[in-house]
Amino acid sequence: FGFKCLKVVFVLDDKEGGSELEEKLKQIEGVSEVQV
């Protein structure tokens, strides 16, 4: 019904943790949910 989400491809070094990125994304104002 007109609602859409963003599908984002992030490119990271393999040493960086994906869970850290998830937590940062969840803290953006207006974000309700993040799914890998």
All heavy atoms as atom14 arrays in JSON, in Angstrom:
{
  "sequence": "FGFKCLKVVFVLDDKEGGSELEEKLKQIEGVSEVQV",
  "atom14_mask": [
    [1, 1, 1, 1, 1, 1, 1, 1, 1, 1, 1, 0, 0, 0],
    [1, 1, 1, 1, 0, 0, 0, 0, 0, 0, 0, 0, 0, 0],
    [1, 1, 1, 1, 1, 1, 1, 1, 1, 1, 1, 0, 0, 0],
    [1, 1, 1, 1, 1, 1, 1, 1, 1, 0, 0, 0, 0, 0],
    [1, 1, 1, 1, 1, 1, 0, 0, 0, 0, 0, 0, 0, 0],
    [1, 1, 1, 1, 1, 1, 1, 1, 0, 0, 0, 0, 0, 0],
    [1, 1, 1, 1, 1, 1, 1, 1, 1, 0, 0, 0, 0, 0],
    [1, 1, 1, 1, 1, 1, 1, 0, 0, 0, 0, 0, 0, 0],
    [1, 1, 1, 1, 1, 1, 1, 0, 0, 0, 0, 0, 0, 0],
    [1, 1, 1, 1, 1, 1, 1, 1, 1, 1, 1, 0, 0, 0],
    [1, 1, 1, 1, 1, 1, 1, 0, 0, 0, 0, 0, 0, 0],
    [1, 1, 1, 1, 1, 1, 1, 1, 0, 0, 0, 0, 0, 0],
    [1, 1, 1, 1, 1, 1, 1, 1, 0, 0, 0, 0, 0, 0],
    [1, 1, 1, 1, 1, 1, 1, 1, 0, 0, 0, 0, 0, 0],
    [1, 1, 1, 1, 1, 1, 1, 1, 1, 0, 0, 0, 0, 0],
    [1, 1, 1, 1, 1, 1, 1, 1, 1, 0, 0, 0, 0, 0],
    [1, 1, 1, 1, 0, 0, 0, 0, 0, 0, 0, 0, 0, 0],
    [1, 1, 1, 1, 0, 0, 0, 0, 0, 0, 0, 0, 0, 0],
    [1, 1, 1, 1, 1, 1, 0, 0, 0, 0, 0, 0, 0, 0],
    [1, 1, 1, 1, 1, 1, 1, 1, 1, 0, 0, 0, 0, 0],
    [1, 1, 1, 1, 1, 1, 1, 1, 0, 0, 0, 0, 0, 0],
    [1, 1, 1, 1, 1, 1, 1, 1, 1, 0, 0, 0, 0, 0],
    [1, 1, 1, 1, 1, 1, 1, 1, 1, 0, 0, 0, 0, 0],
    [1, 1, 1, 1, 1, 1, 1, 1, 1, 0, 0, 0, 0, 0],
    [1, 1, 1, 1, 1, 1, 1, 1, 0, 0, 0, 0, 0, 0],
    [1, 1, 1, 1, 1, 1, 1, 1, 1, 0, 0, 0, 0, 0],
    [1, 1, 1, 1, 1, 1, 1, 1, 1, 0, 0, 0, 0, 0],
    [1, 1, 1, 1, 1, 1, 1, 1, 0, 0, 0, 0, 0, 0],
    [1, 1, 1, 1, 1, 1, 1, 1, 1, 0, 0, 0, 0, 0],
    [1, 1, 1, 1, 0, 0, 0, 0, 0, 0, 0, 0, 0, 0],
    [1, 1, 1, 1, 1, 1, 1, 0, 0, 0, 0, 0, 0, 0],
    [1, 1, 1, 1, 1, 1, 0, 0, 0, 0, 0, 0, 0, 0],
    [1, 1, 1, 1, 1, 1, 1, 1, 1, 0, 0, 0, 0, 0],
    [1, 1, 1, 1, 1, 1, 1, 0, 0, 0, 0, 0, 0, 0],
    [1, 1, 1, 1, 1, 1, 1, 1, 1, 0, 0, 0, 0, 0],
    [1, 1, 1, 1, 1, 1, 1, 0, 0, 0, 0, 0, 0, 0]
  ],
  "atom14_positions": [
    [[0.8, -1.22, 0.0], [0.0, 0.0, 0.0], [0.84, 1.28, 0.0], [0.63, 2.17, 0.82], [-0.97, 0.0, 1.18], [-1.84, -1.21, 1.23], [-1.62, -2.19, 2.18], [-2.84, -1.41, 0.28], [-2.42, -3.33, 2.22], [-3.63, -2.54, 0.31], [-3.43, -3.5, 1.28], [0.0, 0.0, 0.0], [0.0, 0.0, 0.0], [0.0, 0.0, 0.0]],
    [[1.81, 1.37, -0.9], [2.64, 2.57, -1.0], [3.82, 2.6, -0.04], [4.64, 3.5, -0.1], [0.0, 0.0, 0.0], [0.0, 0.0, 0.0], [0.0, 0.0, 0.0], [0.0, 0.0, 0.0], [0.0, 0.0, 0.0], [0.0, 0.0, 0.0], [0.0, 0.0, 0.0], [0.0, 0.0, 0.0], [0.0, 0.0, 0.0], [0.0, 0.0, 0.0]],
    [[3.89, 1.64, 0.85], [5.01, 1.55, 1.79], [6.13, 0.77, 1.12], [5.9, -0.24, 0.48], [4.55, 0.83, 3.07], [5.55, 0.89, 4.18], [5.66, 2.02, 4.98], [6.4, -0.17, 4.44], [6.58, 2.08, 6.01], [7.33, -0.13, 5.46], [7.41, 1.01, 6.25], [0.0, 0.0, 0.0], [0.0, 0.0, 0.0], [0.0, 0.0, 0.0]],
    [[7.36, 1.26, 1.25], [8.5, 0.56, 0.66], [9.68, 0.55, 1.62], [9.74, 1.35, 2.56], [8.89, 1.16, -0.69], [9.01, 2.65, -0.71], [9.15, 3.16, -2.12], [9.06, 4.68, -2.1], [9.22, 5.29, -3.4], [0.0, 0.0, 0.0], [0.0, 0.0, 0.0], [0.0, 0.0, 0.0], [0.0, 0.0, 0.0], [0.0, 0.0, 0.0]],
    [[10.58, -0.38, 1.38], [11.79, -0.47, 2.18], [12.99, -0.3, 1.26], [12.87, -0.32, 0.04], [11.87, -1.79, 2.93], [12.16, -3.23, 1.89], [0.0, 0.0, 0.0], [0.0, 0.0, 0.0], [0.0, 0.0, 0.0], [0.0, 0.0, 0.0], [0.0, 0.0, 0.0], [0.0, 0.0, 0.0], [0.0, 0.0, 0.0], [0.0, 0.0, 0.0]],
    [[14.14, -0.11, 1.85], [15.39, 0.0, 1.1], [16.1, -1.33, 1.12], [16.2, -1.98, 2.17], [16.3, 1.06, 1.75], [15.8, 2.49, 1.72], [16.63, 3.35, 2.66], [15.84, 3.04, 0.32], [0.0, 0.0, 0.0], [0.0, 0.0, 0.0], [0.0, 0.0, 0.0], [0.0, 0.0, 0.0], [0.0, 0.0, 0.0], [0.0, 0.0, 0.0]],
    [[16.58, -1.77, -0.03], [17.44, -2.96, -0.12], [18.82, -2.42, -0.44], [19.04, -1.88, -1.53], [16.96, -3.91, -1.21], [15.69, -4.64, -0.82], [15.27, -5.61, -1.89], [16.11, -6.87, -1.77], [15.6, -7.99, -2.59], [0.0, 0.0, 0.0], [0.0, 0.0, 0.0], [0.0, 0.0, 0.0], [0.0, 0.0, 0.0], [0.0, 0.0, 0.0]],
    [[19.72, -2.54, 0.52], [21.04, -1.92, 0.4], [22.13, -2.99, 0.38], [22.13, -3.89, 1.21], [21.3, -0.95, 1.58], [22.58, -0.18, 1.36], [20.13, 0.0, 1.79], [0.0, 0.0, 0.0], [0.0, 0.0, 0.0], [0.0, 0.0, 0.0], [0.0, 0.0, 0.0], [0.0, 0.0, 0.0], [0.0, 0.0, 0.0], [0.0, 0.0, 0.0]],
    [[23.03, -2.86, -0.59], [24.2, -3.72, -0.64], [25.36, -2.92, -0.06], [25.72, -1.87, -0.57], [24.54, -4.16, -2.08], [25.83, -4.96, -2.1], [23.4, -4.96, -2.67], [0.0, 0.0, 0.0], [0.0, 0.0, 0.0], [0.0, 0.0, 0.0], [0.0, 0.0, 0.0], [0.0, 0.0, 0.0], [0.0, 0.0, 0.0], [0.0, 0.0, 0.0]],
    [[25.89, -3.41, 1.04], [27.04, -2.79, 1.69], [28.28, -3.59, 1.33], [28.23, -4.83, 1.3], [26.88, -2.78, 3.22], [25.75, -1.94, 3.7], [24.5, -2.49, 3.91], [25.92, -0.59, 3.93], [23.44, -1.72, 4.36], [24.86, 0.2, 4.37], [23.63, -0.37, 4.59], [0.0, 0.0, 0.0], [0.0, 0.0, 0.0], [0.0, 0.0, 0.0]],
    [[29.4, -2.92, 1.08], [30.65, -3.59, 0.77], [31.62, -3.29, 1.91], [31.97, -2.14, 2.16], [31.23, -3.11, -0.58], [32.55, -3.82, -0.86], [30.24, -3.35, -1.7], [0.0, 0.0, 0.0], [0.0, 0.0, 0.0], [0.0, 0.0, 0.0], [0.0, 0.0, 0.0], [0.0, 0.0, 0.0], [0.0, 0.0, 0.0], [0.0, 0.0, 0.0]],
    [[32.02, -4.35, 2.62], [32.86, -4.22, 3.81], [34.1, -5.09, 3.69], [34.1, -6.08, 2.95], [32.09, -4.69, 5.05], [30.69, -4.12, 5.28], [29.97, -4.94, 6.33], [30.8, -2.68, 5.71], [0.0, 0.0, 0.0], [0.0, 0.0, 0.0], [0.0, 0.0, 0.0], [0.0, 0.0, 0.0], [0.0, 0.0, 0.0], [0.0, 0.0, 0.0]],
    [[35.13, -4.75, 4.46], [36.27, -5.65, 4.6], [35.8, -6.88, 5.36], [34.94, -6.79, 6.23], [37.41, -4.98, 5.38], [38.07, -3.87, 4.58], [38.1, -3.97, 3.34], [38.55, -2.91, 5.2], [0.0, 0.0, 0.0], [0.0, 0.0, 0.0], [0.0, 0.0, 0.0], [0.0, 0.0, 0.0], [0.0, 0.0, 0.0], [0.0, 0.0, 0.0]],
    [[36.36, -8.04, 5.05], [35.89, -9.27, 5.7], [36.18, -9.29, 7.19], [35.59, -10.07, 7.92], [36.43, -10.51, 5.01], [37.95, -10.63, 5.04], [38.61, -9.71, 5.55], [38.46, -11.64, 4.54], [0.0, 0.0, 0.0], [0.0, 0.0, 0.0], [0.0, 0.0, 0.0], [0.0, 0.0, 0.0], [0.0, 0.0, 0.0], [0.0, 0.0, 0.0]],
    [[37.05, -8.43, 7.68], [37.32, -8.37, 9.12], [36.25, -7.6, 9.88], [36.09, -7.77, 11.08], [38.68, -7.7, 9.39], [39.85, -8.56, 9.04], [41.14, -7.91, 9.47], [42.32, -8.81, 9.17], [43.57, -8.22, 9.64], [0.0, 0.0, 0.0], [0.0, 0.0, 0.0], [0.0, 0.0, 0.0], [0.0, 0.0, 0.0], [0.0, 0.0, 0.0]],
    [[35.53, -6.7, 9.19], [34.5, -5.9, 9.85], [33.31, -6.78, 10.2], [32.93, -7.67, 9.45], [34.04, -4.76, 8.93], [35.12, -3.74, 8.68], [34.65, -2.63, 7.76], [33.49, -2.21, 7.87], [35.47, -2.19, 6.96], [0.0, 0.0, 0.0], [0.0, 0.0, 0.0], [0.0, 0.0, 0.0], [0.0, 0.0, 0.0], [0.0, 0.0, 0.0]],
    [[32.71, -6.5, 11.34], [31.56, -7.29, 11.77], [30.26, -6.77, 11.22], [29.99, -5.58, 11.26], [0.0, 0.0, 0.0], [0.0, 0.0, 0.0], [0.0, 0.0, 0.0], [0.0, 0.0, 0.0], [0.0, 0.0, 0.0], [0.0, 0.0, 0.0], [0.0, 0.0, 0.0], [0.0, 0.0, 0.0], [0.0, 0.0, 0.0], [0.0, 0.0, 0.0]],
    [[29.44, -7.65, 10.69], [28.14, -7.27, 10.16], [27.17, -6.87, 11.25], [26.3, -6.03, 11.04], [0.0, 0.0, 0.0], [0.0, 0.0, 0.0], [0.0, 0.0, 0.0], [0.0, 0.0, 0.0], [0.0, 0.0, 0.0], [0.0, 0.0, 0.0], [0.0, 0.0, 0.0], [0.0, 0.0, 0.0], [0.0, 0.0, 0.0], [0.0, 0.0, 0.0]],
    [[27.32, -7.46, 12.43], [26.39, -7.13, 13.52], [26.57, -5.69, 13.98], [25.61, -5.04, 14.37], [26.56, -8.09, 14.69], [27.88, -8.03, 15.2], [0.0, 0.0, 0.0], [0.0, 0.0, 0.0], [0.0, 0.0, 0.0], [0.0, 0.0, 0.0], [0.0, 0.0, 0.0], [0.0, 0.0, 0.0], [0.0, 0.0, 0.0], [0.0, 0.0, 0.0]],
    [[27.8, -5.18, 13.89], [28.05, -3.78, 14.25], [27.32, -2.86, 13.26], [26.72, -1.86, 13.67], [29.55, -3.5, 14.23], [29.92, -2.1, 14.66], [31.42, -1.88, 14.65], [32.16, -2.73, 15.19], [31.84, -0.85, 14.1], [0.0, 0.0, 0.0], [0.0, 0.0, 0.0], [0.0, 0.0, 0.0], [0.0, 0.0, 0.0], [0.0, 0.0, 0.0]],
    [[27.35, -3.2, 11.99], [26.65, -2.41, 10.97], [25.15, -2.44, 11.23], [24.48, -1.41, 11.16], [26.97, -2.95, 9.57], [26.23, -2.3, 8.41], [26.53, -0.8, 8.33], [26.55, -2.99, 7.11], [0.0, 0.0, 0.0], [0.0, 0.0, 0.0], [0.0, 0.0, 0.0], [0.0, 0.0, 0.0], [0.0, 0.0, 0.0], [0.0, 0.0, 0.0]],
    [[24.62, -3.6, 11.54], [23.19, -3.72, 11.85], [22.79, -2.79, 12.98], [21.77, -2.1, 12.9], [22.84, -5.15, 12.26], [22.75, -6.13, 11.14], [22.38, -7.5, 11.67], [21.18, -7.7, 11.99], [23.28, -8.35, 11.78], [0.0, 0.0, 0.0], [0.0, 0.0, 0.0], [0.0, 0.0, 0.0], [0.0, 0.0, 0.0], [0.0, 0.0, 0.0]],
    [[23.56, -2.79, 14.05], [23.26, -1.94, 15.21], [23.3, -0.46, 14.84], [22.45, 0.33, 15.29], [24.2, -2.24, 16.37], [23.97, -3.59, 17.0], [22.54, -3.79, 17.46], [21.96, -2.89, 18.1], [21.98, -4.86, 17.16], [0.0, 0.0, 0.0], [0.0, 0.0, 0.0], [0.0, 0.0, 0.0], [0.0, 0.0, 0.0], [0.0, 0.0, 0.0]],
    [[24.28, -0.07, 14.03], [24.37, 1.33, 13.6], [23.15, 1.72, 12.75], [22.62, 2.83, 12.89], [25.65, 1.57, 12.81], [26.89, 1.59, 13.68], [28.12, 1.84, 12.84], [29.38, 1.85, 13.69], [30.59, 2.09, 12.88], [0.0, 0.0, 0.0], [0.0, 0.0, 0.0], [0.0, 0.0, 0.0], [0.0, 0.0, 0.0], [0.0, 0.0, 0.0]],
    [[22.73, 0.83, 11.87], [21.57, 1.12, 11.02], [20.3, 1.26, 11.86], [19.46, 2.11, 11.58], [21.4, 0.03, 9.96], [22.48, -0.03, 8.89], [22.29, -1.28, 8.03], [22.48, 1.21, 8.04], [0.0, 0.0, 0.0], [0.0, 0.0, 0.0], [0.0, 0.0, 0.0], [0.0, 0.0, 0.0], [0.0, 0.0, 0.0], [0.0, 0.0, 0.0]],
    [[20.15, 0.43, 12.87], [18.97, 0.49, 13.74], [18.89, 1.8, 14.51], [17.81, 2.21, 14.92], [18.98, -0.68, 14.74], [18.69, -2.01, 14.1], [18.78, -3.13, 15.13], [18.6, -4.48, 14.48], [18.76, -5.58, 15.45], [0.0, 0.0, 0.0], [0.0, 0.0, 0.0], [0.0, 0.0, 0.0], [0.0, 0.0, 0.0], [0.0, 0.0, 0.0]],
    [[20.02, 2.47, 14.69], [20.05, 3.72, 15.46], [19.74, 4.94, 14.6], [19.59, 6.04, 15.13], [21.41, 3.88, 16.13], [21.65, 2.84, 17.2], [23.05, 2.9, 17.79], [23.84, 3.77, 17.46], [23.35, 1.96, 18.65], [0.0, 0.0, 0.0], [0.0, 0.0, 0.0], [0.0, 0.0, 0.0], [0.0, 0.0, 0.0], [0.0, 0.0, 0.0]],
    [[19.61, 4.78, 13.28], [19.25, 5.9, 12.42], [17.82, 6.31, 12.72], [16.93, 5.46, 12.81], [19.39, 5.53, 10.93], [20.85, 5.22, 10.59], [18.86, 6.65, 10.04], [21.06, 4.68, 9.19], [0.0, 0.0, 0.0], [0.0, 0.0, 0.0], [0.0, 0.0, 0.0], [0.0, 0.0, 0.0], [0.0, 0.0, 0.0], [0.0, 0.0, 0.0]],
    [[17.61, 7.6, 12.86], [16.27, 8.11, 13.18], [15.28, 7.7, 12.09], [15.54, 7.87, 10.9], [16.28, 9.63, 13.29], [14.95, 10.21, 13.66], [14.97, 11.72, 13.81], [16.06, 12.31, 13.84], [13.88, 12.29, 13.89], [0.0, 0.0, 0.0], [0.0, 0.0, 0.0], [0.0, 0.0, 0.0], [0.0, 0.0, 0.0], [0.0, 0.0, 0.0]],
    [[14.17, 7.12, 12.5], [13.12, 6.71, 11.57], [13.19, 5.27, 11.11], [12.28, 4.8, 10.45], [0.0, 0.0, 0.0], [0.0, 0.0, 0.0], [0.0, 0.0, 0.0], [0.0, 0.0, 0.0], [0.0, 0.0, 0.0], [0.0, 0.0, 0.0], [0.0, 0.0, 0.0], [0.0, 0.0, 0.0], [0.0, 0.0, 0.0], [0.0, 0.0, 0.0]],
    [[14.26, 4.55, 11.46], [14.38, 3.14, 11.07], [13.61, 2.28, 12.08], [13.82, 2.4, 13.28], [15.85, 2.69, 10.99], [15.96, 1.18, 10.81], [16.57, 3.41, 9.86], [0.0, 0.0, 0.0], [0.0, 0.0, 0.0], [0.0, 0.0, 0.0], [0.0, 0.0, 0.0], [0.0, 0.0, 0.0], [0.0, 0.0, 0.0], [0.0, 0.0, 0.0]],
    [[12.72, 1.43, 11.56], [11.96, 0.57, 12.47], [12.54, -0.84, 12.55], [12.45, -1.49, 13.59], [10.49, 0.5, 12.06], [10.35, -0.21, 10.84], [0.0, 0.0, 0.0], [0.0, 0.0, 0.0], [0.0, 0.0, 0.0], [0.0, 0.0, 0.0], [0.0, 0.0, 0.0], [0.0, 0.0, 0.0], [0.0, 0.0, 0.0], [0.0, 0.0, 0.0]],
    [[13.12, -1.32, 11.42], [13.62, -2.7, 11.41], [14.73, -2.83, 10.37], [14.74, -2.15, 9.35], [12.48, -3.65, 11.06], [12.84, -5.1, 11.15], [11.65, -6.02, 10.84], [10.51, -5.57, 10.86], [11.92, -7.2, 10.56], [0.0, 0.0, 0.0], [0.0, 0.0, 0.0], [0.0, 0.0, 0.0], [0.0, 0.0, 0.0], [0.0, 0.0, 0.0]],
    [[15.66, -3.75, 10.66], [16.77, -4.07, 9.77], [16.85, -5.59, 9.64], [16.84, -6.28, 10.64], [18.11, -3.51, 10.33], [19.27, -3.94, 9.49], [18.04, -2.0, 10.45], [0.0, 0.0, 0.0], [0.0, 0.0, 0.0], [0.0, 0.0, 0.0], [0.0, 0.0, 0.0], [0.0, 0.0, 0.0], [0.0, 0.0, 0.0], [0.0, 0.0, 0.0]],
    [[16.89, -6.09, 8.39], [16.98, -7.54, 8.16], [18.12, -7.84, 7.22], [18.18, -7.31, 6.11], [15.69, -8.06, 7.52], [14.48, -7.99, 8.37], [13.25, -8.48, 7.62], [13.26, -8.69, 6.41], [12.17, -8.68, 8.35], [0.0, 0.0, 0.0], [0.0, 0.0, 0.0], [0.0, 0.0, 0.0], [0.0, 0.0, 0.0], [0.0, 0.0, 0.0]],
    [[19.01, -8.74, 7.64], [20.09, -9.18, 6.75], [19.51, -10.25, 5.83], [18.98, -11.26, 6.29], [21.28, -9.75, 7.56], [22.33, -10.3, 6.62], [21.88, -8.68, 8.46], [0.0, 0.0, 0.0], [0.0, 0.0, 0.0], [0.0, 0.0, 0.0], [0.0, 0.0, 0.0], [0.0, 0.0, 0.0], [0.0, 0.0, 0.0], [0.0, 0.0, 0.0]]
  ]
}
